[in-house]
PDB file of N, CA and C in Angstrom:
ATOM      1  N   MET A   1      58.866   4.303  12.908  1.00  0.00           N
ATOM      2  CA  MET A   1      57.879   5.296  12.537  1.00  0.00           C
ATOM      3  C   MET A   1      56.633   4.636  11.934  1.00  0.00           C
ATOM      4  N   LYS A   2      56.855   3.564  11.141  1.00  0.00           N
ATOM      5  CA  LYS A   2      55.726   2.869  10.534  1.00  0.00           C
ATOM      6  C   LYS A   2      54.872   2.195  11.608  1.00  0.00           C
ATOM      7  N   LYS A   3      55.526   1.711  12.645  1.00  0.00           N
ATOM      8  CA  LYS A   3      54.774   1.045  13.718  1.00  0.00           C
ATOM      9  C   LYS A   3      53.860   2.026  14.447  1.00  0.00           C
ATOM     10  N   ILE A   4      54.329   3.250  14.638  1.00  0.00           N
ATOM     11  CA  ILE A   4      53.523   4.266  15.326  1.00  0.00           C
ATOM     12  C   ILE A   4      52.296   4.621  14.487  1.00  0.00           C
ATOM     13  N   PHE A   5      52.501   4.812  13.172  1.00  0.00           N
ATOM     14  CA  PHE A   5      51.361   5.108  12.295  1.00  0.00           C
ATOM     15  C   PHE A   5      50.401   3.923  12.228  1.00  0.00           C
ATOM     16  N   GLY A   6      50.907   2.731  12.226  1.00  0.00           N
ATOM     17  CA  GLY A   6      50.063   1.531  12.225  1.00  0.00           C
ATOM     18  C   GLY A   6      49.230   1.430  13.482  1.00  0.00           C
ATOM     19  N   ILE A   7      49.837   1.707  14.624  1.00  0.00           N
ATOM     20  CA  ILE A   7      49.120   1.660  15.903  1.00  0.00           C
ATOM     21  C   ILE A   7      48.064   2.763  15.963  1.00  0.00           C
ATOM     22  N   LEU A   8      48.416   3.992  15.545  1.00  0.00           N
ATOM     23  CA  LEU A   8      47.451   5.096  15.541  1.00  0.00           C
ATOM     24  C   LEU A   8      46.293   4.811  14.580  1.00  0.00           C
ATOM     25  N   PHE A   9      46.614   4.260  13.416  1.00  0.00           N
ATOM     26  CA  PHE A   9      45.560   3.925  12.453  1.00  0.00           C
ATOM     27  C   PHE A   9      44.642   2.838  13.015  1.00  0.00           C
ATOM     28  N   SER A  10      45.200   1.841  13.684  1.00  0.00           N
ATOM     29  CA  SER A  10      44.400   0.775  14.294  1.00  0.00           C
ATOM     30  C   SER A  10      43.484   1.336  15.378  1.00  0.00           C
ATOM     31  N   ILE A  11      44.009   2.241  16.201  1.00  0.00           N
ATOM     32  CA  ILE A  11      43.198   2.866  17.249  1.00  0.00           C
ATOM     33  C   ILE A  11      42.070   3.679  16.619  1.00  0.00           C
ATOM     34  N   LEU A  12      42.370   4.391  15.548  1.00  0.00           N
ATOM     35  CA  LEU A  12      41.341   5.177  14.858  1.00  0.00           C
ATOM     36  C   LEU A  12      40.241   4.268  14.300  1.00  0.00           C
ATOM     37  N   VAL A  13      40.614   3.171  13.675  1.00  0.00           N
ATOM     38  CA  VAL A  13      39.628   2.232  13.115  1.00  0.00           C
ATOM     39  C   VAL A  13      38.778   1.629  14.226  1.00  0.00           C
ATOM     40  N   ILE A  14      39.382   1.241  15.311  1.00  0.00           N
ATOM     41  CA  ILE A  14      38.633   0.671  16.433  1.00  0.00           C
ATOM     42  C   ILE A  14      37.664   1.703  17.015  1.00  0.00           C
ATOM     43  N   TYR A  15      38.110   2.962  17.153  1.00  0.00           N
ATOM     44  CA  TYR A  15      37.237   4.007  17.669  1.00  0.00           C
ATOM     45  C   TYR A  15      36.057   4.256  16.737  1.00  0.00           C
ATOM     46  N   VAL A  16      36.328   4.307  15.423  1.00  0.00           N
ATOM     47  CA  VAL A  16      35.250   4.544  14.449  1.00  0.00           C
ATOM     48  C   VAL A  16      34.231   3.411  14.508  1.00  0.00           C
ATOM     49  N   ILE A  17      34.683   2.177  14.599  1.00  0.00           N
ATOM     50  CA  ILE A  17      33.762   1.036  14.688  1.00  0.00           C
ATOM     51  C   ILE A  17      32.951   1.112  15.980  1.00  0.00           C
ATOM     52  N   TYR A  18      33.599   1.411  17.088  1.00  0.00           N
ATOM     53  CA  TYR A  18      32.907   1.548  18.367  1.00  0.00           C
ATOM     54  C   TYR A  18      31.850   2.660  18.300  1.00  0.00           C
ATOM     55  N   TYR A  19      32.222   3.805  17.767  1.00  0.00           N
ATOM     56  CA  TYR A  19      31.299   4.930  17.676  1.00  0.00           C
ATOM     57  C   TYR A  19      30.102   4.584  16.783  1.00  0.00           C
ATOM     58  N   ASP A  20      30.349   3.924  15.679  1.00  0.00           N
ATOM     59  CA  ASP A  20      29.278   3.570  14.747  1.00  0.00           C
ATOM     60  C   ASP A  20      28.304   2.568  15.382  1.00  0.00           C
ATOM     61  N   LEU A  21      28.825   1.637  16.157  1.00  0.00           N
ATOM     62  CA  LEU A  21      27.958   0.633  16.767  1.00  0.00           C
ATOM     63  C   LEU A  21      27.192   1.159  17.980  1.00  0.00           C
ATOM     64  N   THR A  22      27.765   2.099  18.698  1.00  0.00           N
ATOM     65  CA  THR A  22      27.082   2.589  19.903  1.00  0.00           C
ATOM     66  C   THR A  22      26.196   3.788  19.624  1.00  0.00           C
ATOM     67  N   VAL A  23      26.716   4.790  18.972  1.00  0.00           N
ATOM     68  CA  VAL A  23      25.962   6.013  18.720  1.00  0.00           C
ATOM     69  C   VAL A  23      25.289   5.967  17.353  1.00  0.00           C
ATOM     70  N   GLY A  24      26.002   5.485  16.370  1.00  0.00           N
ATOM     71  CA  GLY A  24      25.477   5.428  15.014  1.00  0.00           C
ATOM     72  C   GLY A  24      25.743   6.717  14.264  1.00  0.00           C
ATOM     73  N   THR A  25      25.749   6.611  12.967  1.00  0.00           N
ATOM     74  CA  THR A  25      26.001   7.789  12.144  1.00  0.00           C
ATOM     75  C   THR A  25      24.782   8.203  11.342  1.00  0.00           C
ATOM     76  N   LEU A  26      23.774   7.345  11.271  1.00  0.00           N
ATOM     77  CA  LEU A  26      22.553   7.671  10.547  1.00  0.00           C
ATOM     78  C   LEU A  26      21.484   8.135  11.530  1.00  0.00           C
ATOM     79  N   PRO A  27      20.638   9.077  11.101  1.00  0.00           N
ATOM     80  CA  PRO A  27      19.568   9.507  12.010  1.00  0.00           C
ATOM     81  C   PRO A  27      18.566   8.373  12.213  1.00  0.00           C
ATOM     82  N   ALA A  28      18.083   8.252  13.411  1.00  0.00           N
ATOM     83  CA  ALA A  28      17.101   7.217  13.730  1.00  0.00           C
ATOM     84  C   ALA A  28      15.758   7.602  13.139  1.00  0.00           C
ATOM     85  N   SER A  29      15.130   6.663  12.466  1.00  0.00           N
ATOM     86  CA  SER A  29      13.817   6.936  11.896  1.00  0.00           C
ATOM     87  C   SER A  29      12.758   6.619  12.934  1.00  0.00           C
ATOM     88  N   THR A  30      11.788   7.496  13.032  1.00  0.00           N
ATOM     89  CA  THR A  30      10.693   7.269  13.971  1.00  0.00           C
ATOM     90  C   THR A  30       9.532   6.660  13.201  1.00  0.00           C
ATOM     91  N   PRO A  31       8.894   5.638  13.738  1.00  0.00           N
ATOM     92  CA  PRO A  31       7.772   5.027  13.029  1.00  0.00           C
ATOM     93  C   PRO A  31       6.613   6.009  12.919  1.00  0.00           C
ATOM     94  N   GLN A  32       6.028   6.057  11.728  1.00  0.00           N
ATOM     95  CA  GLN A  32       4.899   6.936  11.481  1.00  0.00           C
ATOM     96  C   GLN A  32       3.625   6.270  11.987  1.00  0.00           C
ATOM     97  N   PRO A  33       2.745   7.015  12.650  1.00  0.00           N
ATOM     98  CA  PRO A  33       1.502   6.411  13.129  1.00  0.00           C
ATOM     99  C   PRO A  33       0.599   6.046  11.955  1.00  0.00           C
ATOM    100  N   VAL A  34      -0.102   4.948  12.113  1.00  0.00           N
ATOM    101  CA  VAL A  34      -1.020   4.512  11.083  1.00  0.00           C
ATOM    102  C   VAL A  34      -2.229   5.430  11.114  1.00  0.00           C
ATOM    103  N   ASP A  35      -2.625   5.881   9.946  1.00  0.00           N
ATOM    104  CA  ASP A  35      -3.753   6.789   9.855  1.00  0.00           C
ATOM    105  C   ASP A  35      -5.034   6.053  10.252  1.00  0.00           C
ATOM    106  N   ALA A  36      -5.834   6.679  11.064  1.00  0.00           N
ATOM    107  CA  ALA A  36      -7.064   6.055  11.559  1.00  0.00           C
ATOM    108  C   ALA A  36      -8.088   5.862  10.447  1.00  0.00           C
ATOM    109  N   LYS A  37      -7.914   6.565   9.348  1.00  0.00           N
ATOM    110  CA  LYS A  37      -8.883   6.444   8.260  1.00  0.00           C
ATOM    111  C   LYS A  37      -8.750   5.132   7.509  1.00  0.00           C
ATOM    112  N   VAL A  38      -7.663   4.407   7.664  1.00  0.00           N
ATOM    113  CA  VAL A  38      -7.467   3.160   6.942  1.00  0.00           C
ATOM    114  C   VAL A  38      -8.523   2.142   7.337  1.00  0.00           C
ATOM    115  N   GLU A  39      -8.848   2.086   8.599  1.00  0.00           N
ATOM    116  CA  GLU A  39      -9.849   1.145   9.076  1.00  0.00           C
ATOM    117  C   GLU A  39     -11.235   1.794   9.091  1.00  0.00           C
ATOM    118  N   GLN A  40     -11.582   2.431   8.016  1.00  0.00           N
ATOM    119  CA  GLN A  40     -12.864   3.114   7.949  1.00  0.00           C
ATOM    120  C   GLN A  40     -13.966   2.135   7.565  1.00  0.00           C
ATOM    121  N   GLU A  41     -15.168   2.523   7.864  1.00  0.00           N
ATOM    122  CA  GLU A  41     -16.293   1.693   7.499  1.00  0.00           C
ATOM    123  C   GLU A  41     -16.575   1.829   6.012  1.00  0.00           C
ATOM    124  N   THR A  42     -17.227   0.816   5.472  1.00  0.00           N
ATOM    125  CA  THR A  42     -17.556   0.834   4.063  1.00  0.00           C
ATOM    126  C   THR A  42     -18.665   1.849   3.820  1.00  0.00           C
ATOM    127  N   PRO A  43     -18.439   2.793   2.883  1.00  0.00           N
ATOM    128  CA  PRO A  43     -19.504   3.744   2.600  1.00  0.00           C
ATOM    129  C   PRO A  43     -20.662   3.046   1.895  1.00  0.00           C
ATOM    130  N   ALA A  44     -21.850   3.565   2.094  1.00  0.00           N
ATOM    131  CA  ALA A  44     -23.013   2.986   1.444  1.00  0.00           C
ATOM    132  C   ALA A  44     -22.904   3.204  -0.059  1.00  0.00           C
ATOM    133  N   PRO A  45     -23.188   2.178  -0.853  1.00  0.00           N
ATOM    134  CA  PRO A  45     -23.072   2.353  -2.296  1.00  0.00           C
ATOM    135  C   PRO A  45     -24.108   3.330  -2.817  1.00  0.00           C
ATOM    136  N   ALA A  46     -23.724   4.055  -3.851  1.00  0.00           N
ATOM    137  CA  ALA A  46     -24.652   5.000  -4.464  1.00  0.00           C
ATOM    138  C   ALA A  46     -25.768   4.209  -5.146  1.00  0.00           C
ATOM    139  N   GLU A  47     -26.901   4.843  -5.282  1.00  0.00           N
ATOM    140  CA  GLU A  47     -28.039   4.188  -5.916  1.00  0.00           C
ATOM    141  C   GLU A  47     -27.771   4.076  -7.419  1.00  0.00           C
ATOM    142  N   THR A  48     -27.427   2.876  -7.853  1.00  0.00           N
ATOM    143  CA  THR A  48     -27.188   2.619  -9.269  1.00  0.00           C
ATOM    144  C   THR A  48     -27.869   1.325  -9.650  1.00  0.00           C
ATOM    145  N   ASP A  49     -27.937   1.078 -10.949  1.00  0.00           N
ATOM    146  CA  ASP A  49     -28.507  -0.171 -11.420  1.00  0.00           C
ATOM    147  C   ASP A  49     -27.427  -1.236 -11.604  1.00  0.00           C
ATOM    148  N   THR A  50     -26.180  -0.890 -11.272  1.00  0.00           N
ATOM    149  CA  THR A  50     -25.074  -1.828 -11.390  1.00  0.00           C
ATOM    150  C   THR A  50     -25.016  -2.712 -10.149  1.00  0.00           C
ATOM    151  N   PRO A  51     -25.093  -4.041 -10.322  1.00  0.00           N
ATOM    152  CA  PRO A  51     -24.947  -4.909  -9.148  1.00  0.00           C
ATOM    153  C   PRO A  51     -23.517  -4.812  -8.624  1.00  0.00           C
ATOM    154  N   SER A  52     -23.369  -4.970  -7.323  1.00  0.00           N
ATOM    155  CA  SER A  52     -22.035  -4.820  -6.745  1.00  0.00           C
ATOM    156  C   SER A  52     -21.815  -5.833  -5.634  1.00  0.00           C
ATOM    157  N   PHE A  53     -20.554  -5.976  -5.259  1.00  0.00           N
ATOM    158  CA  PHE A  53     -20.170  -6.805  -4.121  1.00  0.00           C
ATOM    159  C   PHE A  53     -19.107  -6.043  -3.341  1.00  0.00           C
ATOM    160  N   ASP A  54     -18.973  -6.380  -2.061  1.00  0.00           N
ATOM    161  CA  ASP A  54     -17.968  -5.746  -1.214  1.00  0.00           C
ATOM    162  C   ASP A  54     -16.752  -6.659  -1.119  1.00  0.00           C
ATOM    163  N   ALA A  55     -15.568  -6.045  -1.124  1.00  0.00           N
ATOM    164  CA  ALA A  55     -14.339  -6.813  -0.959  1.00  0.00           C
ATOM    165  C   ALA A  55     -13.317  -5.974  -0.213  1.00  0.00           C
ATOM    166  N   LYS A  56     -12.540  -6.642   0.619  1.00  0.00           N
ATOM    167  CA  LYS A  56     -11.469  -5.992   1.359  1.00  0.00           C
ATOM    168  C   LYS A  56     -10.194  -6.081   0.521  1.00  0.00           C
ATOM    169  N   VAL A  57      -9.489  -4.982   0.386  1.00  0.00           N
ATOM    170  CA  VAL A  57      -8.292  -4.916  -0.444  1.00  0.00           C
ATOM    171  C   VAL A  57      -7.115  -5.519   0.303  1.00  0.00           C
ATOM    172  N   LYS A  58      -6.423  -6.442  -0.366  1.00  0.00           N
ATOM    173  CA  LYS A  58      -5.221  -7.072   0.184  1.00  0.00           C
ATOM    174  C   LYS A  58      -4.000  -6.522  -0.559  1.00  0.00           C
ATOM    175  N   PRO A  59      -2.810  -6.697  -0.001  1.00  0.00           N
ATOM    176  CA  PRO A  59      -1.607  -6.211  -0.689  1.00  0.00           C
ATOM    177  C   PRO A  59      -1.488  -6.814  -2.088  1.00  0.00           C
ATOM    178  N   GLY A  60      -1.235  -5.972  -3.064  1.00  0.00           N
ATOM    179  CA  GLY A  60      -1.068  -6.413  -4.441  1.00  0.00           C
ATOM    180  C   GLY A  60      -2.347  -6.405  -5.253  1.00  0.00           C
ATOM    181  N   ASP A  61      -3.484  -6.178  -4.613  1.00  0.00           N
ATOM    182  CA  ASP A  61      -4.764  -6.165  -5.325  1.00  0.00           C
ATOM    183  C   ASP A  61      -4.955  -4.870  -6.095  1.00  0.00           C
ATOM    184  N   THR A  62      -5.614  -4.998  -7.230  1.00  0.00           N
ATOM    185  CA  THR A  62      -6.076  -3.840  -7.998  1.00  0.00           C
ATOM    186  C   THR A  62      -7.563  -4.021  -8.224  1.00  0.00           C
ATOM    187  N   VAL A  63      -8.211  -2.986  -8.684  1.00  0.00           N
ATOM    188  CA  VAL A  63      -9.653  -3.079  -8.952  1.00  0.00           C
ATOM    189  C   VAL A  63      -9.905  -4.156 -10.006  1.00  0.00           C
ATOM    190  N   ILE A  64      -9.079  -4.179 -11.034  1.00  0.00           N
ATOM    191  CA  ILE A  64      -9.263  -5.165 -12.107  1.00  0.00           C
ATOM    192  C   ILE A  64      -9.066  -6.581 -11.572  1.00  0.00           C
ATOM    193  N   SER A  65      -8.010  -6.795 -10.780  1.00  0.00           N
ATOM    194  CA  SER A  65      -7.754  -8.155 -10.292  1.00  0.00           C
ATOM    195  C   SER A  65      -8.851  -8.633  -9.346  1.00  0.00           C
ATOM    196  N   ILE A  66      -9.387  -7.748  -8.540  1.00  0.00           N
ATOM    197  CA  ILE A  66     -10.463  -8.141  -7.619  1.00  0.00           C
ATOM    198  C   ILE A  66     -11.717  -8.528  -8.388  1.00  0.00           C
ATOM    199  N   VAL A  67     -12.077  -7.742  -9.391  1.00  0.00           N
ATOM    200  CA  VAL A  67     -13.287  -8.037 -10.175  1.00  0.00           C
ATOM    201  C   VAL A  67     -13.085  -9.318 -10.986  1.00  0.00           C
ATOM    202  N   GLU A  68     -11.918  -9.478 -11.620  1.00  0.00           N
ATOM    203  CA  GLU A  68     -11.670 -10.697 -12.397  1.00  0.00           C
ATOM    204  C   GLU A  68     -11.661 -11.934 -11.504  1.00  0.00           C
ATOM    205  N   HIS A  69     -11.140 -11.818 -10.290  1.00  0.00           N
ATOM    206  CA  HIS A  69     -11.138 -12.953  -9.363  1.00  0.00           C
ATOM    207  C   HIS A  69     -12.559 -13.322  -8.963  1.00  0.00           C
ATOM    208  N   LYS A  70     -13.406 -12.323  -8.790  1.00  0.00           N
ATOM    209  CA  LYS A  70     -14.799 -12.574  -8.383  1.00  0.00           C
ATOM    210  C   LYS A  70     -15.581 -13.292  -9.488  1.00  0.00           C
ATOM    211  N   ILE A  71     -15.390 -12.851 -10.754  1.00  0.00           N
ATOM    212  CA  ILE A  71     -16.185 -13.430 -11.843  1.00  0.00           C
ATOM    213  C   ILE A  71     -15.485 -14.625 -12.502  1.00  0.00           C
ATOM    214  N   ASN A  72     -14.246 -14.913 -12.115  1.00  0.00           N
ATOM    215  CA  ASN A  72     -13.474 -16.050 -12.630  1.00  0.00           C
ATOM    216  C   ASN A  72     -13.295 -16.039 -14.141  1.00  0.00           C
ATOM    217  N   LYS A  73     -13.169 -14.862 -14.723  1.00  0.00           N
ATOM    218  CA  LYS A  73     -12.860 -14.722 -16.152  1.00  0.00           C
ATOM    219  C   LYS A  73     -12.371 -13.297 -16.385  1.00  0.00           C
ATOM    220  N   SER A  74     -11.998 -12.998 -17.609  1.00  0.00           N
ATOM    221  CA  SER A  74     -11.529 -11.644 -17.904  1.00  0.00           C
ATOM    222  C   SER A  74     -12.710 -10.679 -17.925  1.00  0.00           C
ATOM    223  N   LEU A  75     -12.396  -9.405 -17.906  1.00  0.00           N
ATOM    224  CA  LEU A  75     -13.446  -8.380 -17.841  1.00  0.00           C
ATOM    225  C   LEU A  75     -14.344  -8.402 -19.075  1.00  0.00           C
ATOM    226  N   PRO A  76     -15.666  -8.417 -18.891  1.00  0.00           N
ATOM    227  CA  PRO A  76     -16.576  -8.363 -20.039  1.00  0.00           C
ATOM    228  C   PRO A  76     -16.853  -6.925 -20.492  1.00  0.00           C
ATOM    229  N   VAL A  77     -16.300  -5.942 -19.788  1.00  0.00           N
ATOM    230  CA  VAL A  77     -16.489  -4.536 -20.147  1.00  0.00           C
ATOM    231  C   VAL A  77     -15.122  -3.880 -20.300  1.00  0.00           C
ATOM    232  N   SER A  78     -15.106  -2.679 -20.826  1.00  0.00           N
ATOM    233  CA  SER A  78     -13.841  -1.964 -20.982  1.00  0.00           C
ATOM    234  C   SER A  78     -13.351  -1.473 -19.618  1.00  0.00           C
ATOM    235  N   ILE A  79     -12.069  -1.190 -19.561  1.00  0.00           N
ATOM    236  CA  ILE A  79     -11.491  -0.692 -18.311  1.00  0.00           C
ATOM    237  C   ILE A  79     -12.086   0.663 -17.957  1.00  0.00           C
ATOM    238  N   ALA A  80     -12.371   1.485 -18.949  1.00  0.00           N
ATOM    239  CA  ALA A  80     -12.979   2.794 -18.693  1.00  0.00           C
ATOM    240  C   ALA A  80     -14.349   2.624 -18.026  1.00  0.00           C
ATOM    241  N   ASP A  81     -15.138   1.638 -18.489  1.00  0.00           N
ATOM    242  CA  ASP A  81     -16.442   1.389 -17.869  1.00  0.00           C
ATOM    243  C   ASP A  81     -16.280   0.876 -16.435  1.00  0.00           C
ATOM    244  N   LEU A  82     -15.281   0.022 -16.215  1.00  0.00           N
ATOM    245  CA  LEU A  82     -15.019  -0.488 -14.868  1.00  0.00           C
ATOM    246  C   LEU A  82     -14.664   0.656 -13.925  1.00  0.00           C
ATOM    247  N   ILE A  83     -13.796   1.548 -14.370  1.00  0.00           N
ATOM    248  CA  ILE A  83     -13.400   2.689 -13.542  1.00  0.00           C
ATOM    249  C   ILE A  83     -14.601   3.574 -13.240  1.00  0.00           C
ATOM    250  N   GLU A  84     -15.410   3.826 -14.236  1.00  0.00           N
ATOM    251  CA  GLU A  84     -16.594   4.674 -14.048  1.00  0.00           C
ATOM    252  C   GLU A  84     -17.573   4.034 -13.059  1.00  0.00           C
ATOM    253  N   ASP A  85     -17.809   2.721 -13.198  1.00  0.00           N
ATOM    254  CA  ASP A  85     -18.715   2.032 -12.280  1.00  0.00           C
ATOM    255  C   ASP A  85     -18.156   2.008 -10.860  1.00  0.00           C
ATOM    256  N   PHE A  86     -16.835   1.778 -10.724  1.00  0.00           N
ATOM    257  CA  PHE A  86     -16.218   1.769  -9.403  1.00  0.00           C
ATOM    258  C   PHE A  86     -16.357   3.133  -8.735  1.00  0.00           C
ATOM    259  N   GLN A  87     -16.107   4.193  -9.487  1.00  0.00           N
ATOM    260  CA  GLN A  87     -16.222   5.533  -8.916  1.00  0.00           C
ATOM    261  C   GLN A  87     -17.659   5.852  -8.537  1.00  0.00           C
ATOM    262  N   THR A  88     -18.617   5.406  -9.330  1.00  0.00           N
ATOM    263  CA  THR A  88     -20.028   5.635  -9.011  1.00  0.00           C
ATOM    264  C   THR A  88     -20.419   4.912  -7.726  1.00  0.00           C
ATOM    265  N   LEU A  89     -19.958   3.674  -7.568  1.00  0.00           N
ATOM    266  CA  LEU A  89     -20.304   2.892  -6.386  1.00  0.00           C
ATOM    267  C   LEU A  89     -19.632   3.394  -5.119  1.00  0.00           C
ATOM    268  N   ASN A  90     -18.490   4.065  -5.250  1.00  0.00           N
ATOM    269  CA  ASN A  90     -17.707   4.483  -4.082  1.00  0.00           C
ATOM    270  C   ASN A  90     -17.624   5.989  -3.928  1.00  0.00           C
ATOM    271  N   GLY A  91     -18.605   6.697  -4.410  1.00  0.00           N
ATOM    272  CA  GLY A  91     -18.670   8.139  -4.187  1.00  0.00           C
ATOM    273  C   GLY A  91     -17.535   8.931  -4.816  1.00  0.00           C
ATOM    274  N   GLY A  92     -17.069   8.521  -5.992  1.00  0.00           N
ATOM    275  CA  GLY A  92     -16.033   9.268  -6.689  1.00  0.00           C
ATOM    276  C   GLY A  92     -14.616   8.875  -6.322  1.00  0.00           C
ATOM    277  N   LYS A  93     -14.439   7.856  -5.486  1.00  0.00           N
ATOM    278  CA  LYS A  93     -13.094   7.411  -5.080  1.00  0.00           C
ATOM    279  C   LYS A  93     -12.349   6.867  -6.300  1.00  0.00           C
ATOM    280  N   SER A  94     -11.131   7.324  -6.493  1.00  0.00           N
ATOM    281  CA  SER A  94     -10.322   6.901  -7.629  1.00  0.00           C
ATOM    282  C   SER A  94      -9.795   5.484  -7.407  1.00  0.00           C
ATOM    283  N   PRO A  95      -9.849   4.621  -8.426  1.00  0.00           N
ATOM    284  CA  PRO A  95      -9.340   3.253  -8.268  1.00  0.00           C
ATOM    285  C   PRO A  95      -7.841   3.209  -7.970  1.00  0.00           C
ATOM    286  N   GLU A  96      -7.111   4.239  -8.361  1.00  0.00           N
ATOM    287  CA  GLU A  96      -5.674   4.278  -8.105  1.00  0.00           C
ATOM    288  C   GLU A  96      -5.364   4.560  -6.640  1.00  0.00           C
ATOM    289  N   LYS A  97      -6.344   5.014  -5.879  1.00  0.00           N
ATOM    290  CA  LYS A  97      -6.099   5.413  -4.493  1.00  0.00           C
ATOM    291  C   LYS A  97      -6.751   4.484  -3.481  1.00  0.00           C
ATOM    292  N   ILE A  98      -7.029   3.246  -3.876  1.00  0.00           N
ATOM    293  CA  ILE A  98      -7.579   2.306  -2.902  1.00  0.00           C
ATOM    294  C   ILE A  98      -6.490   1.950  -1.901  1.00  0.00           C
ATOM    295  N   GLN A  99      -6.908   1.679  -0.662  1.00  0.00           N
ATOM    296  CA  GLN A  99      -5.960   1.425   0.419  1.00  0.00           C
ATOM    297  C   GLN A  99      -6.075  -0.011   0.910  1.00  0.00           C
ATOM    298  N   ILE A 100      -4.931  -0.590   1.207  1.00  0.00           N
ATOM    299  CA  ILE A 100      -4.883  -1.947   1.726  1.00  0.00           C
ATOM    300  C   ILE A 100      -5.628  -1.997   3.061  1.00  0.00           C
ATOM    301  N   GLY A 101      -6.470  -2.998   3.221  1.00  0.00           N
ATOM    302  CA  GLY A 101      -7.207  -3.178   4.460  1.00  0.00           C
ATOM    303  C   GLY A 101      -8.575  -2.519   4.467  1.00  0.00           C
ATOM    304  N   SER A 102      -8.846  -1.659   3.486  1.00  0.00           N
ATOM    305  CA  SER A 102     -10.152  -1.009   3.411  1.00  0.00           C
ATOM    306  C   SER A 102     -11.093  -1.851   2.552  1.00  0.00           C
ATOM    307  N   THR A 103     -12.383  -1.710   2.808  1.00  0.00           N
ATOM    308  CA  THR A 103     -13.395  -2.431   2.044  1.00  0.00           C
ATOM    309  C   THR A 103     -14.102  -1.457   1.106  1.00  0.00           C
ATOM    310  N   TYR A 104     -14.271  -1.876  -0.138  1.00  0.00           N
ATOM    311  CA  TYR A 104     -14.911  -1.044  -1.156  1.00  0.00           C
ATOM    312  C   TYR A 104     -15.986  -1.849  -1.861  1.00  0.00           C
ATOM    313  N   HIS A 105     -16.834  -1.135  -2.600  1.00  0.00           N
ATOM    314  CA  HIS A 105     -17.855  -1.757  -3.433  1.00  0.00           C
ATOM    315  C   HIS A 105     -17.277  -1.885  -4.842  1.00  0.00           C
ATOM    316  N   PHE A 106     -17.401  -3.083  -5.411  1.00  0.00           N
ATOM    317  CA  PHE A 106     -16.899  -3.345  -6.752  1.00  0.00           C
ATOM    318  C   PHE A 106     -18.057  -3.757  -7.635  1.00  0.00           C
ATOM    319  N   PRO A 107     -18.066  -3.346  -8.903  1.00  0.00           N
ATOM    320  CA  PRO A 107     -19.153  -3.767  -9.803  1.00  0.00           C
ATOM    321  C   PRO A 107     -19.077  -5.263 -10.054  1.00  0.00           C
ATOM    322  N   ASP A 108     -20.251  -5.896 -10.063  1.00  0.00           N
ATOM    323  CA  ASP A 108     -20.330  -7.336 -10.256  1.00  0.00           C
ATOM    324  C   ASP A 108     -20.829  -7.602 -11.675  1.00  0.00           C
ATOM    325  N   TYR A 109     -19.935  -8.055 -12.549  1.00  0.00           N
ATOM    326  CA  TYR A 109     -20.277  -8.314 -13.951  1.00  0.00           C
ATOM    327  C   TYR A 109     -20.533  -9.787 -14.215  1.00  0.00           C
ATOM    328  N   SER A 110     -20.760 -10.573 -13.183  1.00  0.00           N
ATOM    329  CA  SER A 110     -20.979 -11.996 -13.375  1.00  0.00           C
ATOM    330  C   SER A 110     -22.388 -12.310 -13.876  1.00  0.00           C
ATOM    331  N   LYS A 111     -23.274 -11.369 -13.797  1.00  0.00           N
ATOM    332  CA  LYS A 111     -24.663 -11.603 -14.195  1.00  0.00           C
ATOM    333  C   LYS A 111     -24.907 -11.198 -15.624  1.00  0.00           C
TER     334      LYS A 111
END
């Protein structure tokens, strides 16, 4: 009797493995299309007295890290001023919503 249960259990395990490998038990994920807005052109900077430079956002970049990398030192202004200048230069775009691969205008505090 034990041999029959062992054989049936083995057949069940083999069937489950076969089914999982061929059909699968998880739903297949479909790749989402990349939004065409990611590769948008750089908007013209607003007319301000703040000097600026253009930079393309790479993975892991933040507004602060991009500006500090450009001027090769820590920020000479407060973060609130940096955010305000960034939003002014980019038509109100929030620094938290910058997208990888897009180019934005950043305030240049090196002068």
